[in-house]
Amino acid sequence: MKKLLLTLVALLILTCQSAFAANPYPATLDDGNLVFVDGFKGYGIYAVRSSVDVQNYNPPQYKIAINTISVNVDTGQRGSVQTYYFRYNWDSKTVYYYSRQKDAWVMWDLNRIYGHADGAPLIPNLAEVAFVSAYNMKFYGDKQSYTYGSWQRVIPLSLYQALGI
């Protein structure tokens, strides 16, 4: 009986550890100022909400800049800071981001699957954090896109929960 109980406790501990290990990136850091938008190879990319700079407010057109910072998930060490620029069209629900690599504004295609090798998959989450931080309202909201063979939310509910909206 004792052996069975120890085995069950060990299984419970292993199950809990694997559940917590599934997503090693905290949703927010620094009391919500840093919001997780992407992770890759042990580094989390966090949007810095306090860095939001509204550069153009002319509804339905908006332009916002926001910084990101990389954080080593194992050590917590902070890394490089990058600034991203977004243009939004509220009526068409389109987002353009400035690509330094192309030296041009690029429309984010919601129905394309982006990987780390061919384009920053953080763009829709980062653009949403910038918009919510600037105006305290959702840009994409419940909008869906067709990826991976099915309709899916553009922005996961967990991001809105982390933003408190």
Foldseek 3Di string as FASTA:
>chain_A
DVVVVVVVVVVVVVVVVVVCVPDLDDQAPPLLQWGFQDDDDQKTKTWRLVQKDWPDDDPVKTKIKTKIWIARSVPRDIDDIDIKMWIAGQVVLWIWIQDPVVRDTHIDDLQDDDDPVRDDLSVVLNVQSSVCSVPVDGRQPQPWYQYPNRTDGSDDVVSCVSVVD
